[in-house]
Amino acid sequence: MTAVLVLHGPNLNLTGLREPEIYGRLTLAEIDDRLLEKCARRGFECRCYQSNHEGELIDRLHEARAWAGGAILNGGALTHYSYVLRDAVASVDYPVVEVHMSHTAARESFRHTSVTAPVCAGLITGFGWYSYVLGLEALFHLLDRPRDVTSIER
């Protein structure tokens, strides 16, 4: 069974409480439950983690090299300035899909640039909690196809 890591960064533990007009009213536990269910239906194991500590997120990415086929990453604000998180994503040999619940390009200017996105397989923003579902679908697509495909379809 292929396993997927879902990694939530700083302040996402307050999802459902913090700025619900931006992040929605579902709690992080409710989002995780939906992701676990979706993965189970597709035959994937799913492990969800949240941390407010940059080093813990990096440790989880590194540890997942032993068991994960891919990952979903919402690095929160670390996305915009954490080069060590970027380097951690670049160091893993599995695909990482970056997701954000808010439409970061429509927010404050400091949120317009992601330093982690260039080393991720893709980026999904702006669909609330459903960004995670879209990220999983993208990850499933990447994991279902042969890695040595050299055709135009990526």
C-alpha atoms as a PDB file:
ATOM      1  CA  MET A   1       0.000   0.000   0.000  1.00  0.00           C
ATOM      2  CA  THR A   2       1.375   3.396  -0.951  1.00  0.00           C
ATOM      3  CA  ALA A   3       1.449   5.962   1.828  1.00  0.00           C
ATOM      4  CA  VAL A   4       0.904   9.711   1.641  1.00  0.00           C
ATOM      5  CA  LEU A   5       2.182  12.343   4.056  1.00  0.00           C
ATOM      6  CA  VAL A   6      -0.025  15.366   4.691  1.00  0.00           C
ATOM      7  CA  LEU A   7       1.964  18.097   6.380  1.00  0.00           C
ATOM      8  CA  HIS A   8       0.373  21.212   7.890  1.00  0.00           C
ATOM      9  CA  GLY A   9       2.564  24.108   8.986  1.00  0.00           C
ATOM     10  CA  PRO A  10       2.378  26.873  11.594  1.00  0.00           C
ATOM     11  CA  ASN A  11      -0.979  28.167  12.815  1.00  0.00           C
ATOM     12  CA  LEU A  12      -2.952  25.600  10.838  1.00  0.00           C
ATOM     13  CA  ASN A  13      -3.856  23.942  14.139  1.00  0.00           C
ATOM     14  CA  LEU A  14      -6.236  26.909  14.532  1.00  0.00           C
ATOM     15  CA  THR A  15      -8.063  26.180  11.273  1.00  0.00           C
ATOM     16  CA  GLY A  16     -11.791  26.619  11.814  1.00  0.00           C
ATOM     17  CA  LEU A  17     -11.167  29.197  14.531  1.00  0.00           C
ATOM     18  CA  ARG A  18      -8.590  31.579  13.043  1.00  0.00           C
ATOM     19  CA  GLU A  19      -9.910  33.932  10.346  1.00  0.00           C
ATOM     20  CA  PRO A  20     -12.775  31.684   9.218  1.00  0.00           C
ATOM     21  CA  GLU A  21     -13.587  34.161   6.443  1.00  0.00           C
ATOM     22  CA  ILE A  22     -10.241  33.175   4.876  1.00  0.00           C
ATOM     23  CA  TYR A  23      -9.680  29.589   6.044  1.00  0.00           C
ATOM     24  CA  GLY A  24     -13.237  28.356   6.544  1.00  0.00           C
ATOM     25  CA  ARG A  25     -14.982  26.781   9.499  1.00  0.00           C
ATOM     26  CA  LEU A  26     -13.827  23.166   9.208  1.00  0.00           C
ATOM     27  CA  THR A  27     -11.286  22.262  11.857  1.00  0.00           C
ATOM     28  CA  LEU A  28      -7.961  20.723  10.913  1.00  0.00           C
ATOM     29  CA  ALA A  29      -9.134  17.433  12.453  1.00  0.00           C
ATOM     30  CA  GLU A  30     -12.209  17.487  10.194  1.00  0.00           C
ATOM     31  CA  ILE A  31     -10.040  18.178   7.149  1.00  0.00           C
ATOM     32  CA  ASP A  32      -7.679  15.360   8.112  1.00  0.00           C
ATOM     33  CA  ASP A  33     -10.629  12.978   8.555  1.00  0.00           C
ATOM     34  CA  ARG A  34     -11.793  13.751   5.018  1.00  0.00           C
ATOM     35  CA  LEU A  35      -8.295  13.217   3.635  1.00  0.00           C
ATOM     36  CA  LEU A  36      -7.894   9.926   5.513  1.00  0.00           C
ATOM     37  CA  GLU A  37     -11.222   8.735   4.134  1.00  0.00           C
ATOM     38  CA  LYS A  38     -10.370   9.774   0.573  1.00  0.00           C
ATOM     39  CA  CYS A  39      -6.995   8.029   0.753  1.00  0.00           C
ATOM     40  CA  ALA A  40      -8.539   4.864   2.182  1.00  0.00           C
ATOM     41  CA  ARG A  41     -11.085   4.747  -0.674  1.00  0.00           C
ATOM     42  CA  ARG A  42      -8.197   4.935  -3.163  1.00  0.00           C
ATOM     43  CA  GLY A  43      -6.145   2.292  -1.334  1.00  0.00           C
ATOM     44  CA  PHE A  44      -3.568   4.702   0.092  1.00  0.00           C
ATOM     45  CA  GLU A  45      -2.403   4.979   3.669  1.00  0.00           C
ATOM     46  CA  CYS A  46      -2.444   8.592   4.899  1.00  0.00           C
ATOM     47  CA  ARG A  47      -0.477  10.105   7.759  1.00  0.00           C
ATOM     48  CA  CYS A  48      -1.324  13.692   8.757  1.00  0.00           C
ATOM     49  CA  TYR A  49       0.905  15.912  10.881  1.00  0.00           C
ATOM     50  CA  GLN A  50       0.774  19.528  11.995  1.00  0.00           C
ATOM     51  CA  SER A  51       3.517  21.502  13.652  1.00  0.00           C
ATOM     52  CA  ASN A  52       4.195  25.111  14.493  1.00  0.00           C
ATOM     53  CA  HIS A  53       7.927  24.353  14.397  1.00  0.00           C
ATOM     54  CA  GLU A  54       9.934  24.552  11.201  1.00  0.00           C
ATOM     55  CA  GLY A  55      12.410  21.863  12.249  1.00  0.00           C
ATOM     56  CA  GLU A  56       9.622  19.406  13.037  1.00  0.00           C
ATOM     57  CA  LEU A  57       8.192  19.833   9.531  1.00  0.00           C
ATOM     58  CA  ILE A  58      11.634  19.206   8.062  1.00  0.00           C
ATOM     59  CA  ASP A  59      12.093  16.116  10.245  1.00  0.00           C
ATOM     60  CA  ARG A  60       8.748  14.727   9.065  1.00  0.00           C
ATOM     61  CA  LEU A  61       9.684  15.261   5.405  1.00  0.00           C
ATOM     62  CA  HIS A  62      12.993  13.484   5.983  1.00  0.00           C
ATOM     63  CA  GLU A  63      11.440  10.604   7.960  1.00  0.00           C
ATOM     64  CA  ALA A  64       8.825  10.068   5.254  1.00  0.00           C
ATOM     65  CA  ARG A  65      11.593   9.142   2.798  1.00  0.00           C
ATOM     66  CA  ALA A  66      11.402   5.682   4.378  1.00  0.00           C
ATOM     67  CA  TRP A  67       7.681   5.159   3.849  1.00  0.00           C
ATOM     68  CA  ALA A  68       5.909   7.824   1.730  1.00  0.00           C
ATOM     69  CA  GLY A  69       5.144   7.681  -1.960  1.00  0.00           C
ATOM     70  CA  GLY A  70       4.300  11.381  -1.952  1.00  0.00           C
ATOM     71  CA  ALA A  71       3.265  14.327   0.179  1.00  0.00           C
ATOM     72  CA  ILE A  72       0.896  17.249   0.426  1.00  0.00           C
ATOM     73  CA  LEU A  73       2.462  20.315   2.043  1.00  0.00           C
ATOM     74  CA  ASN A  74       0.770  23.398   3.416  1.00  0.00           C
ATOM     75  CA  GLY A  75       3.733  25.211   4.902  1.00  0.00           C
ATOM     76  CA  GLY A  76       1.654  28.194   5.980  1.00  0.00           C
ATOM     77  CA  ALA A  77       3.683  31.392   6.157  1.00  0.00           C
ATOM     78  CA  LEU A  78       6.935  29.388   6.027  1.00  0.00           C
ATOM     79  CA  THR A  79       6.157  28.959   2.342  1.00  0.00           C
ATOM     80  CA  HIS A  80       7.162  32.538   1.684  1.00  0.00           C
ATOM     81  CA  TYR A  81      10.573  32.682   3.328  1.00  0.00           C
ATOM     82  CA  SER A  82      11.810  29.315   4.618  1.00  0.00           C
ATOM     83  CA  TYR A  83      14.732  28.240   2.486  1.00  0.00           C
ATOM     84  CA  VAL A  84      15.434  25.372   4.872  1.00  0.00           C
ATOM     85  CA  LEU A  85      11.917  24.032   4.246  1.00  0.00           C
ATOM     86  CA  ARG A  86      12.514  24.496   0.521  1.00  0.00           C
ATOM     87  CA  ASP A  87      15.769  22.547   0.766  1.00  0.00           C
ATOM     88  CA  ALA A  88      14.019  19.783   2.721  1.00  0.00           C
ATOM     89  CA  VAL A  89      11.392  19.427  -0.019  1.00  0.00           C
ATOM     90  CA  ALA A  90      14.145  19.374  -2.643  1.00  0.00           C
ATOM     91  CA  SER A  91      15.976  16.643  -0.718  1.00  0.00           C
ATOM     92  CA  VAL A  92      13.200  14.058  -0.850  1.00  0.00           C
ATOM     93  CA  ASP A  93      12.790  11.637  -3.740  1.00  0.00           C
ATOM     94  CA  TYR A  94       8.992  11.598  -3.686  1.00  0.00           C
ATOM     95  CA  PRO A  95       6.634  14.177  -5.242  1.00  0.00           C
ATOM     96  CA  VAL A  96       5.343  16.977  -3.026  1.00  0.00           C
ATOM     97  CA  VAL A  97       2.248  18.990  -3.929  1.00  0.00           C
ATOM     98  CA  GLU A  98       2.006  22.384  -2.240  1.00  0.00           C
ATOM     99  CA  VAL A  99      -1.463  23.519  -1.193  1.00  0.00           C
ATOM    100  CA  HIS A 100      -2.946  26.625   0.390  1.00  0.00           C
ATOM    101  CA  MET A 101      -6.531  27.165   1.438  1.00  0.00           C
ATOM    102  CA  SER A 102      -6.445  30.874   0.649  1.00  0.00           C
ATOM    103  CA  HIS A 103      -5.755  32.397  -2.753  1.00  0.00           C
ATOM    104  CA  THR A 104      -2.278  33.608  -1.851  1.00  0.00           C
ATOM    105  CA  ALA A 105      -1.840  35.725  -5.003  1.00  0.00           C
ATOM    106  CA  ALA A 106      -4.901  37.757  -3.994  1.00  0.00           C
ATOM    107  CA  ARG A 107      -3.622  38.468  -0.486  1.00  0.00           C
ATOM    108  CA  GLU A 108      -0.815  40.598   0.961  1.00  0.00           C
ATOM    109  CA  SER A 109       2.163  41.046  -1.352  1.00  0.00           C
ATOM    110  CA  PHE A 110       4.502  39.012   0.865  1.00  0.00           C
ATOM    111  CA  ARG A 111       2.273  35.986   0.216  1.00  0.00           C
ATOM    112  CA  HIS A 112       2.595  36.236  -3.559  1.00  0.00           C
ATOM    113  CA  THR A 113       5.892  34.341  -3.709  1.00  0.00           C
ATOM    114  CA  SER A 114       6.442  30.786  -2.587  1.00  0.00           C
ATOM    115  CA  VAL A 115      10.047  29.722  -2.125  1.00  0.00           C
ATOM    116  CA  THR A 116       8.933  26.090  -1.830  1.00  0.00           C
ATOM    117  CA  ALA A 117       6.759  25.905  -4.972  1.00  0.00           C
ATOM    118  CA  PRO A 118       9.672  25.667  -7.438  1.00  0.00           C
ATOM    119  CA  VAL A 119      10.789  22.360  -5.890  1.00  0.00           C
ATOM    120  CA  CYS A 120       7.263  20.950  -5.613  1.00  0.00           C
ATOM    121  CA  ALA A 121       5.503  18.906  -8.279  1.00  0.00           C
ATOM    122  CA  GLY A 122       2.663  21.448  -8.336  1.00  0.00           C
ATOM    123  CA  LEU A 123       0.797  24.171  -6.471  1.00  0.00           C
ATOM    124  CA  ILE A 124      -2.904  24.480  -5.640  1.00  0.00           C
ATOM    125  CA  THR A 125      -4.335  27.557  -3.924  1.00  0.00           C
ATOM    126  CA  GLY A 126      -7.606  29.272  -3.215  1.00  0.00           C
ATOM    127  CA  PHE A 127     -10.159  26.493  -2.796  1.00  0.00           C
ATOM    128  CA  GLY A 128     -10.435  26.463   0.982  1.00  0.00           C
ATOM    129  CA  TRP A 129     -10.180  23.039   2.609  1.00  0.00           C
ATOM    130  CA  TYR A 130     -10.874  21.529  -0.817  1.00  0.00           C
ATOM    131  CA  SER A 131      -7.375  22.604  -1.899  1.00  0.00           C
ATOM    132  CA  TYR A 132      -6.169  19.568   0.046  1.00  0.00           C
ATOM    133  CA  VAL A 133      -8.525  17.275  -1.888  1.00  0.00           C
ATOM    134  CA  LEU A 134      -7.354  18.740  -5.187  1.00  0.00           C
ATOM    135  CA  GLY A 135      -3.780  18.294  -4.017  1.00  0.00           C
ATOM    136  CA  LEU A 136      -4.475  14.641  -3.224  1.00  0.00           C
ATOM    137  CA  GLU A 137      -6.030  14.107  -6.645  1.00  0.00           C
ATOM    138  CA  ALA A 138      -2.928  15.602  -8.257  1.00  0.00           C
ATOM    139  CA  LEU A 139      -0.710  13.418  -6.098  1.00  0.00           C
ATOM    140  CA  PHE A 140      -2.759  10.299  -6.944  1.00  0.00           C
ATOM    141  CA  HIS A 141      -2.285  11.163 -10.622  1.00  0.00           C
ATOM    142  CA  LEU A 142       1.474  11.416 -10.153  1.00  0.00           C
ATOM    143  CA  LEU A 143       1.676   8.183  -8.160  1.00  0.00           C
ATOM    144  CA  ASP A 144      -0.524   6.209 -10.560  1.00  0.00           C
ATOM    145  CA  ARG A 145       1.565   6.901 -13.641  1.00  0.00           C
ATOM    146  CA  PRO A 146       4.884   5.294 -14.513  1.00  0.00           C
ATOM    147  CA  ARG A 147       7.846   7.452 -13.457  1.00  0.00           C
ATOM    148  CA  ASP A 148       9.797   6.814 -16.644  1.00  0.00           C
ATOM    149  CA  VAL A 149       7.187   8.265 -18.991  1.00  0.00           C
ATOM    150  CA  THR A 150       8.934  10.419 -21.555  1.00  0.00           C
ATOM    151  CA  SER A 151       5.852  11.507 -23.470  1.00  0.00           C
ATOM    152  CA  ILE A 152       4.587  15.070 -23.561  1.00  0.00           C
ATOM    153  CA  GLU A 153       2.097  14.307 -20.750  1.00  0.00           C
ATOM    154  CA  ARG A 154       3.630  15.117 -17.416  1.00  0.00           C
END
